[in-house]
């Protein structure tokens, strides 16, 4: 079976086409320009509405198939920005009805985990999920993917973008911040905010911006932001691994493409005698292929979404998702 998946939780609209063996036949994305004040949900939704159909046509052409070859349509049902989610859900419903095939609503966070498990070959990992809107440590326990730690305020990517926009870096700021951090020489003291298994980033953002106004070198601030925030993430990830006795760490989300974060996680897992897994960059960021693949494994387990149940859920928790494919 071939599935077309549509992603549209925030700044990116994506269309992916994947077969039952997880061969990614097409995976196209288009991101809104957030350089002039971040992401406005309605503007992002308009962007998705303008681009989702052209991306569908382009993906089908790139995959070398016809629309009639598609046997399933999946979409990101949440969590995310309401207007964006509703736009891609409408597109998915229309395509499902026009093709006469099943529709599956997918949890965005679970999709990051499932595509990562499949393409890297890990079996039972602790997932460090670090992206613009989400920062969570997730692992399978008691029949569900459980959240063992998460941000109490903003996602780490959101925080880095806010800092970057305030100091004049382009959007998204992560790659530029990573480059500047390599030139940093001084580790500046910034708030280290770990609260039990959770983390918080708003205080460190405020402190870093104040220090920038006081004349601290941007390179040193970028270096210090990375070192402090990534240490926080590594700490809660290691604590979750110990709690659930896992020996694999899977990285997911756009921020995990940062080489320094990967290095810090790798050091931690090697000291524990564990292993780290990182999907290709195109599957770390928000993308339609991860939605398509998760839709396929859900449908194979007998799950589908009726039209009347396809309403989006902006606060769709990872641990709300039933996982019959894990229990088989």
C-alpha atoms as a PDB file:
ATOM      1  CA  UNK A   1       0.000   0.000   0.000  1.00  0.00           C
ATOM      2  CA  UNK A   2       1.099   3.556  -0.721  1.00  0.00           C
ATOM      3  CA  UNK A   3       0.227   6.382   1.671  1.00  0.00           C
ATOM      4  CA  UNK A   4       0.289  10.107   1.058  1.00  0.00           C
ATOM      5  CA  UNK A   5       0.916  12.033   4.276  1.00  0.00           C
ATOM      6  CA  UNK A   6       0.340  15.734   4.852  1.00  0.00           C
ATOM      7  CA  UNK A   7       2.177  17.624   7.613  1.00  0.00           C
ATOM      8  CA  UNK A   8       1.132  21.096   8.705  1.00  0.00           C
ATOM      9  CA  UNK A   9       1.430  21.665  12.427  1.00  0.00           C
ATOM     10  CA  UNK A  10       3.285  24.999  12.355  1.00  0.00           C
ATOM     11  CA  UNK A  11       5.609  26.846   9.964  1.00  0.00           C
ATOM     12  CA  UNK A  12       6.064  23.968   7.489  1.00  0.00           C
ATOM     13  CA  UNK A  13       3.645  22.301   5.107  1.00  0.00           C
ATOM     14  CA  UNK A  14       4.881  18.984   3.802  1.00  0.00           C
ATOM     15  CA  UNK A  15       3.697  16.156   1.579  1.00  0.00           C
ATOM     16  CA  UNK A  16       5.311  12.740   1.718  1.00  0.00           C
ATOM     17  CA  UNK A  17       4.603   9.519  -0.138  1.00  0.00           C
ATOM     18  CA  UNK A  18       5.735   6.262   1.457  1.00  0.00           C
ATOM     19  CA  UNK A  19       5.095   2.586   0.704  1.00  0.00           C
ATOM     20  CA  UNK A  20       4.516  -0.304   3.112  1.00  0.00           C
ATOM     21  CA  UNK A  21       8.266  -0.996   3.329  1.00  0.00           C
ATOM     22  CA  UNK A  22       8.948   2.625   4.368  1.00  0.00           C
ATOM     23  CA  UNK A  23      10.489   3.492   1.038  1.00  0.00           C
ATOM     24  CA  UNK A  24      10.239   7.282   0.863  1.00  0.00           C
ATOM     25  CA  UNK A  25       9.087   7.888  -2.702  1.00  0.00           C
ATOM     26  CA  UNK A  26       8.722  11.660  -2.248  1.00  0.00           C
ATOM     27  CA  UNK A  27       9.109  14.044   0.660  1.00  0.00           C
ATOM     28  CA  UNK A  28       8.593  17.735  -0.104  1.00  0.00           C
ATOM     29  CA  UNK A  29       8.315  20.652   2.302  1.00  0.00           C
ATOM     30  CA  UNK A  30       7.795  24.385   2.144  1.00  0.00           C
ATOM     31  CA  UNK A  31       8.317  26.689   5.120  1.00  0.00           C
ATOM     32  CA  UNK A  32       6.853  30.116   5.756  1.00  0.00           C
ATOM     33  CA  UNK A  33       9.242  33.036   6.171  1.00  0.00           C
ATOM     34  CA  UNK A  34       9.227  33.854   9.874  1.00  0.00           C
ATOM     35  CA  UNK A  35      12.051  36.376   9.831  1.00  0.00           C
ATOM     36  CA  UNK A  36       9.844  39.427  10.441  1.00  0.00           C
ATOM     37  CA  UNK A  37       8.225  38.537  13.703  1.00  0.00           C
ATOM     38  CA  UNK A  38       7.893  34.776  13.989  1.00  0.00           C
ATOM     39  CA  UNK A  39       4.911  32.690  12.929  1.00  0.00           C
ATOM     40  CA  UNK A  40       1.419  34.177  12.802  1.00  0.00           C
ATOM     41  CA  UNK A  41      -1.000  31.190  12.795  1.00  0.00           C
ATOM     42  CA  UNK A  42      -3.385  32.681  10.219  1.00  0.00           C
ATOM     43  CA  UNK A  43      -0.578  33.723   7.878  1.00  0.00           C
ATOM     44  CA  UNK A  44       0.943  30.261   8.202  1.00  0.00           C
ATOM     45  CA  UNK A  45      -2.421  28.662   7.452  1.00  0.00           C
ATOM     46  CA  UNK A  46      -2.803  30.813   4.323  1.00  0.00           C
ATOM     47  CA  UNK A  47       0.697  29.761   3.280  1.00  0.00           C
ATOM     48  CA  UNK A  48      -0.236  26.103   3.716  1.00  0.00           C
ATOM     49  CA  UNK A  49      -3.488  26.544   1.796  1.00  0.00           C
ATOM     50  CA  UNK A  50      -1.614  28.073  -1.136  1.00  0.00           C
ATOM     51  CA  UNK A  51       1.057  25.385  -1.235  1.00  0.00           C
ATOM     52  CA  UNK A  52      -0.473  22.082  -0.177  1.00  0.00           C
ATOM     53  CA  UNK A  53      -2.121  21.184  -3.505  1.00  0.00           C
ATOM     54  CA  UNK A  54       0.912  22.123  -5.659  1.00  0.00           C
ATOM     55  CA  UNK A  55       3.066  20.065  -3.268  1.00  0.00           C
ATOM     56  CA  UNK A  56       0.695  17.106  -3.676  1.00  0.00           C
ATOM     57  CA  UNK A  57       0.967  17.268  -7.469  1.00  0.00           C
ATOM     58  CA  UNK A  58       4.741  17.624  -7.285  1.00  0.00           C
ATOM     59  CA  UNK A  59       5.070  14.719  -4.832  1.00  0.00           C
ATOM     60  CA  UNK A  60       2.927  12.398  -6.950  1.00  0.00           C
ATOM     61  CA  UNK A  61       4.997  13.276 -10.015  1.00  0.00           C
ATOM     62  CA  UNK A  62       8.278  12.782  -8.155  1.00  0.00           C
ATOM     63  CA  UNK A  63       7.111   9.415  -6.826  1.00  0.00           C
ATOM     64  CA  UNK A  64       6.304   8.307 -10.367  1.00  0.00           C
ATOM     65  CA  UNK A  65       2.776   7.235  -9.494  1.00  0.00           C
ATOM     66  CA  UNK A  66      -0.797   8.244 -10.261  1.00  0.00           C
ATOM     67  CA  UNK A  67      -3.275   9.418  -7.659  1.00  0.00           C
ATOM     68  CA  UNK A  68      -5.165   6.157  -8.133  1.00  0.00           C
ATOM     69  CA  UNK A  69      -2.121   4.304  -6.766  1.00  0.00           C
ATOM     70  CA  UNK A  70      -2.585   5.944  -3.361  1.00  0.00           C
ATOM     71  CA  UNK A  71      -4.349   3.617  -0.947  1.00  0.00           C
ATOM     72  CA  UNK A  72      -4.336   5.738   2.205  1.00  0.00           C
ATOM     73  CA  UNK A  73      -4.238   9.419   3.195  1.00  0.00           C
ATOM     74  CA  UNK A  74      -2.737  10.510   6.526  1.00  0.00           C
ATOM     75  CA  UNK A  75      -2.522  13.960   8.098  1.00  0.00           C
ATOM     76  CA  UNK A  76      -1.076  15.636  11.185  1.00  0.00           C
ATOM     77  CA  UNK A  77      -4.042  15.863  13.558  1.00  0.00           C
ATOM     78  CA  UNK A  78      -2.075  17.605  16.324  1.00  0.00           C
ATOM     79  CA  UNK A  79      -0.494  19.013  18.377  1.00  0.00           C
ATOM     80  CA  UNK A  80       0.113  22.333  16.668  1.00  0.00           C
ATOM     81  CA  UNK A  81      -1.353  25.670  15.613  1.00  0.00           C
ATOM     82  CA  UNK A  82      -5.103  25.394  15.068  1.00  0.00           C
ATOM     83  CA  UNK A  83      -5.425  27.251  11.743  1.00  0.00           C
ATOM     84  CA  UNK A  84      -2.512  25.305  10.254  1.00  0.00           C
ATOM     85  CA  UNK A  85      -3.855  21.959  11.434  1.00  0.00           C
ATOM     86  CA  UNK A  86      -7.338  22.707  10.085  1.00  0.00           C
ATOM     87  CA  UNK A  87      -5.942  23.643   6.680  1.00  0.00           C
ATOM     88  CA  UNK A  88      -4.065  20.382   6.143  1.00  0.00           C
ATOM     89  CA  UNK A  89      -6.910  18.357   7.657  1.00  0.00           C
ATOM     90  CA  UNK A  90      -9.286  19.859   5.095  1.00  0.00           C
ATOM     91  CA  UNK A  91      -6.893  18.968   2.287  1.00  0.00           C
ATOM     92  CA  UNK A  92      -6.545  15.414   3.590  1.00  0.00           C
ATOM     93  CA  UNK A  93     -10.302  14.925   3.907  1.00  0.00           C
ATOM     94  CA  UNK A  94     -10.863  16.191   0.361  1.00  0.00           C
ATOM     95  CA  UNK A  95      -8.202  13.886  -1.065  1.00  0.00           C
ATOM     96  CA  UNK A  96      -9.461  10.889   0.915  1.00  0.00           C
ATOM     97  CA  UNK A  97     -13.025  11.440  -0.287  1.00  0.00           C
ATOM     98  CA  UNK A  98     -12.039  12.037  -3.910  1.00  0.00           C
ATOM     99  CA  UNK A  99      -9.903   8.878  -4.014  1.00  0.00           C
ATOM    100  CA  UNK A 100     -12.309   6.773  -1.946  1.00  0.00           C
ATOM    101  CA  UNK A 101      -9.586   5.626   0.459  1.00  0.00           C
ATOM    102  CA  UNK A 102      -9.231   5.547   4.243  1.00  0.00           C
ATOM    103  CA  UNK A 103      -8.159   8.581   6.228  1.00  0.00           C
ATOM    104  CA  UNK A 104      -5.858   8.424   9.275  1.00  0.00           C
ATOM    105  CA  UNK A 105      -5.161  11.253  11.718  1.00  0.00           C
ATOM    106  CA  UNK A 106      -1.637  11.057  13.128  1.00  0.00           C
ATOM    107  CA  UNK A 107      -0.081  12.453  16.285  1.00  0.00           C
ATOM    108  CA  UNK A 108       2.843  14.613  15.154  1.00  0.00           C
ATOM    109  CA  UNK A 109       5.120  13.655  18.072  1.00  0.00           C
ATOM    110  CA  UNK A 110       4.484   9.923  17.660  1.00  0.00           C
ATOM    111  CA  UNK A 111       5.274  10.302  13.949  1.00  0.00           C
ATOM    112  CA  UNK A 112       8.745  11.635  14.766  1.00  0.00           C
ATOM    113  CA  UNK A 113       9.342   8.583  16.922  1.00  0.00           C
ATOM    114  CA  UNK A 114       7.968   6.008  14.487  1.00  0.00           C
ATOM    115  CA  UNK A 115       9.861   7.220  11.409  1.00  0.00           C
ATOM    116  CA  UNK A 116      13.021   7.387  13.505  1.00  0.00           C
ATOM    117  CA  UNK A 117      12.570   3.848  14.828  1.00  0.00           C
ATOM    118  CA  UNK A 118      12.045   2.494  11.340  1.00  0.00           C
ATOM    119  CA  UNK A 119      14.849   4.209   9.417  1.00  0.00           C
ATOM    120  CA  UNK A 120      17.536   3.875  12.113  1.00  0.00           C
ATOM    121  CA  UNK A 121      16.745   0.319  13.196  1.00  0.00           C
ATOM    122  CA  UNK A 122      16.467   1.053  16.913  1.00  0.00           C
ATOM    123  CA  UNK A 123      13.852  -0.983  18.734  1.00  0.00           C
ATOM    124  CA  UNK A 124      12.893   0.461  22.128  1.00  0.00           C
ATOM    125  CA  UNK A 125      14.489   3.908  22.482  1.00  0.00           C
ATOM    126  CA  UNK A 126      14.167   6.912  24.686  1.00  0.00           C
ATOM    127  CA  UNK A 127      13.334   9.741  22.298  1.00  0.00           C
ATOM    128  CA  UNK A 128      14.806  13.185  22.802  1.00  0.00           C
ATOM    129  CA  UNK A 129      12.388  15.276  20.754  1.00  0.00           C
ATOM    130  CA  UNK A 130      13.661  18.827  20.342  1.00  0.00           C
ATOM    131  CA  UNK A 131      12.010  21.121  17.808  1.00  0.00           C
ATOM    132  CA  UNK A 132      10.597  24.605  17.452  1.00  0.00           C
ATOM    133  CA  UNK A 133       7.329  23.996  19.242  1.00  0.00           C
ATOM    134  CA  UNK A 134       8.104  20.862  21.236  1.00  0.00           C
ATOM    135  CA  UNK A 135      10.714  19.652  23.691  1.00  0.00           C
ATOM    136  CA  UNK A 136       9.975  16.263  25.231  1.00  0.00           C
ATOM    137  CA  UNK A 137      11.675  13.100  26.455  1.00  0.00           C
ATOM    138  CA  UNK A 138       9.496  10.154  25.460  1.00  0.00           C
ATOM    139  CA  UNK A 139       9.709   6.386  25.992  1.00  0.00           C
ATOM    140  CA  UNK A 140       7.405   3.372  25.659  1.00  0.00           C
ATOM    141  CA  UNK A 141       6.069   2.139  28.980  1.00  0.00           C
ATOM    142  CA  UNK A 142       2.810   0.579  30.115  1.00  0.00           C
ATOM    143  CA  UNK A 143       1.299   0.314  26.640  1.00  0.00           C
ATOM    144  CA  UNK A 144       1.780   3.974  25.662  1.00  0.00           C
ATOM    145  CA  UNK A 145       4.496   6.392  24.688  1.00  0.00           C
ATOM    146  CA  UNK A 146       4.956   8.258  27.958  1.00  0.00           C
ATOM    147  CA  UNK A 147       6.340  11.763  28.383  1.00  0.00           C
ATOM    148  CA  UNK A 148       9.020  11.542  31.065  1.00  0.00           C
ATOM    149  CA  UNK A 149      10.083  15.174  30.807  1.00  0.00           C
ATOM    150  CA  UNK A 150       9.189  18.243  28.780  1.00  0.00           C
ATOM    151  CA  UNK A 151       9.477  21.998  28.546  1.00  0.00           C
ATOM    152  CA  UNK A 152       7.395  23.983  30.975  1.00  0.00           C
ATOM    153  CA  UNK A 153       7.251  27.053  28.748  1.00  0.00           C
ATOM    154  CA  UNK A 154       8.514  27.163  25.139  1.00  0.00           C
ATOM    155  CA  UNK A 155      10.190  24.653  22.842  1.00  0.00           C
ATOM    156  CA  UNK A 156      13.953  24.970  22.579  1.00  0.00           C
ATOM    157  CA  UNK A 157      13.784  25.810  18.871  1.00  0.00           C
ATOM    158  CA  UNK A 158      11.282  28.571  19.583  1.00  0.00           C
ATOM    159  CA  UNK A 159      13.618  29.993  22.212  1.00  0.00           C
ATOM    160  CA  UNK A 160      16.645  29.898  19.890  1.00  0.00           C
ATOM    161  CA  UNK A 161      14.646  31.588  17.116  1.00  0.00           C
ATOM    162  CA  UNK A 162      13.462  34.315  19.491  1.00  0.00           C
ATOM    163  CA  UNK A 163      17.027  34.965  20.557  1.00  0.00           C
ATOM    164  CA  UNK A 164      18.234  34.951  16.968  1.00  0.00           C
ATOM    165  CA  UNK A 165      15.523  37.343  15.771  1.00  0.00           C
ATOM    166  CA  UNK A 166      16.290  39.738  18.627  1.00  0.00           C
ATOM    167  CA  UNK A 167      20.004  39.878  17.759  1.00  0.00           C
ATOM    168  CA  UNK A 168      19.504  40.102  13.988  1.00  0.00           C
ATOM    169  CA  UNK A 169      20.018  36.508  12.842  1.00  0.00           C
ATOM    170  CA  UNK A 170      17.942  35.128   9.940  1.00  0.00           C
ATOM    171  CA  UNK A 171      15.026  32.724  10.434  1.00  0.00           C
ATOM    172  CA  UNK A 172      15.333  29.904  11.304  1.00  0.00           C
ATOM    173  CA  UNK A 173      18.178  30.937  13.603  1.00  0.00           C
ATOM    174  CA  UNK A 174      19.432  27.519  14.692  1.00  0.00           C
ATOM    175  CA  UNK A 175      22.000  26.955  11.910  1.00  0.00           C
ATOM    176  CA  UNK A 176      23.451  30.473  12.231  1.00  0.00           C
ATOM    177  CA  UNK A 177      23.545  30.225  16.006  1.00  0.00           C
ATOM    178  CA  UNK A 178      25.380  26.889  15.737  1.00  0.00           C
ATOM    179  CA  UNK A 179      27.950  28.443  13.401  1.00  0.00           C
ATOM    180  CA  UNK A 180      28.538  31.418  15.696  1.00  0.00           C
ATOM    181  CA  UNK A 181      28.831  29.125  18.715  1.00  0.00           C
ATOM    182  CA  UNK A 182      31.880  27.451  17.162  1.00  0.00           C
ATOM    183  CA  UNK A 183      33.662  30.802  17.464  1.00  0.00           C
ATOM    184  CA  UNK A 184      32.716  31.290  21.117  1.00  0.00           C
ATOM    185  CA  UNK A 185      35.531  31.292  23.673  1.00  0.00           C
ATOM    186  CA  UNK A 186      33.913  32.256  26.965  1.00  0.00           C
ATOM    187  CA  UNK A 187      31.314  30.148  28.766  1.00  0.00           C
ATOM    188  CA  UNK A 188      28.989  32.768  30.227  1.00  0.00           C
ATOM    189  CA  UNK A 189      26.950  31.848  33.290  1.00  0.00           C
ATOM    190  CA  UNK A 190      23.286  31.495  32.288  1.00  0.00           C
ATOM    191  CA  UNK A 191      20.282  30.136  34.252  1.00  0.00           C
ATOM    192  CA  UNK A 192      20.305  26.331  34.264  1.00  0.00           C
ATOM    193  CA  UNK A 193      16.646  25.484  34.681  1.00  0.00           C
ATOM    194  CA  UNK A 194      15.941  21.797  35.255  1.00  0.00           C
ATOM    195  CA  UNK A 195      12.935  21.154  37.473  1.00  0.00           C
ATOM    196  CA  UNK A 196      12.782  17.469  38.271  1.00  0.00           C
ATOM    197  CA  UNK A 197      12.356  15.828  34.862  1.00  0.00           C
ATOM    198  CA  UNK A 198      11.277  19.049  33.137  1.00  0.00           C
ATOM    199  CA  UNK A 199      13.116  22.023  31.673  1.00  0.00           C
ATOM    200  CA  UNK A 200      12.349  25.718  31.141  1.00  0.00           C
ATOM    201  CA  UNK A 201      13.895  28.113  28.630  1.00  0.00           C
ATOM    202  CA  UNK A 202      12.267  31.525  29.101  1.00  0.00           C
ATOM    203  CA  UNK A 203      14.624  32.562  31.893  1.00  0.00           C
ATOM    204  CA  UNK A 204      17.750  31.710  29.950  1.00  0.00           C
ATOM    205  CA  UNK A 205      16.401  33.642  26.954  1.00  0.00           C
ATOM    206  CA  UNK A 206      15.786  36.761  29.049  1.00  0.00           C
ATOM    207  CA  UNK A 207      19.235  36.540  30.619  1.00  0.00           C
ATOM    208  CA  UNK A 208      21.000  36.047  27.279  1.00  0.00           C
ATOM    209  CA  UNK A 209      19.228  39.043  25.714  1.00  0.00           C
ATOM    210  CA  UNK A 210      20.102  41.247  28.667  1.00  0.00           C
ATOM    211  CA  UNK A 211      23.769  40.230  28.431  1.00  0.00           C
ATOM    212  CA  UNK A 212      23.736  40.968  24.701  1.00  0.00           C
ATOM    213  CA  UNK A 213      22.485  44.504  25.425  1.00  0.00           C
ATOM    214  CA  UNK A 214      25.322  44.853  27.940  1.00  0.00           C
ATOM    215  CA  UNK A 215      27.849  44.153  25.203  1.00  0.00           C
ATOM    216  CA  UNK A 216      28.700  40.477  25.585  1.00  0.00           C
ATOM    217  CA  UNK A 217      30.112  38.940  22.383  1.00  0.00           C
ATOM    218  CA  UNK A 218      27.410  37.301  20.304  1.00  0.00           C
ATOM    219  CA  UNK A 219      29.651  34.295  19.613  1.00  0.00           C
ATOM    220  CA  UNK A 220      30.148  33.715  23.346  1.00  0.00           C
ATOM    221  CA  UNK A 221      26.429  34.032  24.016  1.00  0.00           C
ATOM    222  CA  UNK A 222      25.579  31.538  21.260  1.00  0.00           C
ATOM    223  CA  UNK A 223      28.200  29.125  22.617  1.00  0.00           C
ATOM    224  CA  UNK A 224      26.895  29.512  26.165  1.00  0.00           C
ATOM    225  CA  UNK A 225      23.244  29.117  25.123  1.00  0.00           C
ATOM    226  CA  UNK A 226      24.036  25.860  23.360  1.00  0.00           C
ATOM    227  CA  UNK A 227      26.190  24.452  26.144  1.00  0.00           C
ATOM    228  CA  UNK A 228      23.697  25.287  28.875  1.00  0.00           C
ATOM    229  CA  UNK A 229      20.474  24.286  27.098  1.00  0.00           C
ATOM    230  CA  UNK A 230      21.892  21.105  25.610  1.00  0.00           C
ATOM    231  CA  UNK A 231      23.302  20.067  28.988  1.00  0.00           C
ATOM    232  CA  UNK A 232      19.785  20.449  30.401  1.00  0.00           C
ATOM    233  CA  UNK A 233      18.389  18.204  27.667  1.00  0.00           C
ATOM    234  CA  UNK A 234      21.091  15.585  28.119  1.00  0.00           C
ATOM    235  CA  UNK A 235      20.521  15.516  31.879  1.00  0.00           C
ATOM    236  CA  UNK A 236      16.786  14.806  31.663  1.00  0.00           C
ATOM    237  CA  UNK A 237      17.313  12.314  28.831  1.00  0.00           C
ATOM    238  CA  UNK A 238      19.822  10.346  30.889  1.00  0.00           C
ATOM    239  CA  UNK A 239      17.532  10.397  33.910  1.00  0.00           C
ATOM    240  CA  UNK A 240      14.661   9.052  31.782  1.00  0.00           C
ATOM    241  CA  UNK A 241      16.893   6.309  30.378  1.00  0.00           C
ATOM    242  CA  UNK A 242      17.824   5.223  33.887  1.00  0.00           C
ATOM    243  CA  UNK A 243      14.203   5.314  35.041  1.00  0.00           C
ATOM    244  CA  UNK A 244      12.846   3.102  32.258  1.00  0.00           C
ATOM    245  CA  UNK A 245      16.073   1.089  31.825  1.00  0.00           C
ATOM    246  CA  UNK A 246      16.493   1.795  28.103  1.00  0.00           C
ATOM    247  CA  UNK A 247      19.829   1.456  26.305  1.00  0.00           C
ATOM    248  CA  UNK A 248      18.942   3.359  23.128  1.00  0.00           C
ATOM    249  CA  UNK A 249      18.465   7.076  22.513  1.00  0.00           C
ATOM    250  CA  UNK A 250      16.713   8.298  19.385  1.00  0.00           C
ATOM    251  CA  UNK A 251      16.933  11.962  18.391  1.00  0.00           C
ATOM    252  CA  UNK A 252      14.022  13.666  16.638  1.00  0.00           C
ATOM    253  CA  UNK A 253      12.942  17.186  15.700  1.00  0.00           C
ATOM    254  CA  UNK A 254      14.702  19.918  13.772  1.00  0.00           C
ATOM    255  CA  UNK A 255      16.985  21.042  16.629  1.00  0.00           C
ATOM    256  CA  UNK A 256      18.664  17.620  16.869  1.00  0.00           C
ATOM    257  CA  UNK A 257      20.454  18.326  13.610  1.00  0.00           C
ATOM    258  CA  UNK A 258      22.795  20.480  15.706  1.00  0.00           C
ATOM    259  CA  UNK A 259      26.159  18.689  15.754  1.00  0.00           C
ATOM    260  CA  UNK A 260      27.058  19.886  19.246  1.00  0.00           C
ATOM    261  CA  UNK A 261      23.835  18.474  20.674  1.00  0.00           C
ATOM    262  CA  UNK A 262      24.529  15.169  18.925  1.00  0.00           C
ATOM    263  CA  UNK A 263      28.056  15.158  20.346  1.00  0.00           C
ATOM    264  CA  UNK A 264      26.852  15.779  23.905  1.00  0.00           C
ATOM    265  CA  UNK A 265      24.208  13.041  23.685  1.00  0.00           C
ATOM    266  CA  UNK A 266      26.756  10.647  22.155  1.00  0.00           C
ATOM    267  CA  UNK A 267      29.180  11.200  25.035  1.00  0.00           C
ATOM    268  CA  UNK A 268      26.419  10.508  27.551  1.00  0.00           C
ATOM    269  CA  UNK A 269      25.173   7.320  25.903  1.00  0.00           C
ATOM    270  CA  UNK A 270      28.660   5.920  25.381  1.00  0.00           C
ATOM    271  CA  UNK A 271      29.442   6.452  29.058  1.00  0.00           C
ATOM    272  CA  UNK A 272      26.297   4.445  29.835  1.00  0.00           C
ATOM    273  CA  UNK A 273      27.180   1.692  27.346  1.00  0.00           C
ATOM    274  CA  UNK A 274      24.142   2.667  25.273  1.00  0.00           C
ATOM    275  CA  UNK A 275      23.634   3.666  21.620  1.00  0.00           C
ATOM    276  CA  UNK A 276      22.433   6.841  19.880  1.00  0.00           C
ATOM    277  CA  UNK A 277      20.408   6.932  16.668  1.00  0.00           C
ATOM    278  CA  UNK A 278      19.815   9.957  14.415  1.00  0.00           C
ATOM    279  CA  UNK A 279      17.552   9.882  11.322  1.00  0.00           C
ATOM    280  CA  UNK A 280      18.562  11.746   8.150  1.00  0.00           C
ATOM    281  CA  UNK A 281      18.019  15.492   8.414  1.00  0.00           C
ATOM    282  CA  UNK A 282      15.047  15.455   6.035  1.00  0.00           C
ATOM    283  CA  UNK A 283      13.256  13.124   8.452  1.00  0.00           C
ATOM    284  CA  UNK A 284      14.228  15.041  11.613  1.00  0.00           C
ATOM    285  CA  UNK A 285      12.426  18.220  10.574  1.00  0.00           C
ATOM    286  CA  UNK A 286       8.648  18.354  10.198  1.00  0.00           C
ATOM    287  CA  UNK A 287       7.807  16.373   7.055  1.00  0.00           C
ATOM    288  CA  UNK A 288       5.034  14.483   5.319  1.00  0.00           C
ATOM    289  CA  UNK A 289       6.918  11.177   5.077  1.00  0.00           C
ATOM    290  CA  UNK A 290       6.809  10.634   8.825  1.00  0.00           C
ATOM    291  CA  UNK A 291       3.048  11.260   8.772  1.00  0.00           C
ATOM    292  CA  UNK A 292       2.603   8.840   5.877  1.00  0.00           C
ATOM    293  CA  UNK A 293       4.642   6.068   7.510  1.00  0.00           C
ATOM    294  CA  UNK A 294       2.847   6.391  10.851  1.00  0.00           C
ATOM    295  CA  UNK A 295      -0.479   6.388   9.019  1.00  0.00           C
ATOM    296  CA  UNK A 296       0.508   3.124   7.344  1.00  0.00           C
ATOM    297  CA  UNK A 297       1.405   1.313  10.559  1.00  0.00           C
ATOM    298  CA  UNK A 298      -1.723   2.628  12.259  1.00  0.00           C
ATOM    299  CA  UNK A 299      -3.923   1.486   9.381  1.00  0.00           C
ATOM    300  CA  UNK A 300      -2.239  -1.924   9.280  1.00  0.00           C
ATOM    301  CA  UNK A 301      -3.240  -2.274  12.939  1.00  0.00           C
ATOM    302  CA  UNK A 302      -6.856  -1.618  12.011  1.00  0.00           C
ATOM    303  CA  UNK A 303      -7.030   2.083  12.766  1.00  0.00           C
ATOM    304  CA  UNK A 304      -8.700   4.669  10.566  1.00  0.00           C
ATOM    305  CA  UNK A 305     -10.273   8.044  11.195  1.00  0.00           C
ATOM    306  CA  UNK A 306     -13.911   8.647  10.350  1.00  0.00           C
ATOM    307  CA  UNK A 307     -14.672  12.067   8.912  1.00  0.00           C
ATOM    308  CA  UNK A 308     -16.655  13.010  11.996  1.00  0.00           C
ATOM    309  CA  UNK A 309     -13.635  12.106  14.162  1.00  0.00           C
ATOM    310  CA  UNK A 310     -11.092  13.988  12.077  1.00  0.00           C
ATOM    311  CA  UNK A 311     -11.346  17.240  14.016  1.00  0.00           C
ATOM    312  CA  UNK A 312      -7.882  18.539  14.857  1.00  0.00           C
ATOM    313  CA  UNK A 313      -6.480  18.621  18.392  1.00  0.00           C
ATOM    314  CA  UNK A 314      -4.095  21.471  19.152  1.00  0.00           C
ATOM    315  CA  UNK A 315      -3.106  19.830  22.444  1.00  0.00           C
ATOM    316  CA  UNK A 316      -2.900  16.234  21.244  1.00  0.00           C
ATOM    317  CA  UNK A 317      -0.718  14.648  23.920  1.00  0.00           C
ATOM    318  CA  UNK A 318       1.805  11.978  22.992  1.00  0.00           C
ATOM    319  CA  UNK A 319       0.565   9.769  25.817  1.00  0.00           C
ATOM    320  CA  UNK A 320      -3.049   9.925  24.582  1.00  0.00           C
ATOM    321  CA  UNK A 321      -2.265   7.729  21.568  1.00  0.00           C
ATOM    322  CA  UNK A 322      -3.216   4.064  21.651  1.00  0.00           C
ATOM    323  CA  UNK A 323      -0.483   1.882  20.110  1.00  0.00           C
ATOM    324  CA  UNK A 324      -1.922  -1.452  18.911  1.00  0.00           C
ATOM    325  CA  UNK A 325       1.083  -1.981  16.622  1.00  0.00           C
ATOM    326  CA  UNK A 326       3.380  -2.016  19.675  1.00  0.00           C
ATOM    327  CA  UNK A 327       1.277  -4.635  21.443  1.00  0.00           C
ATOM    328  CA  UNK A 328       1.102  -7.066  18.517  1.00  0.00           C
END
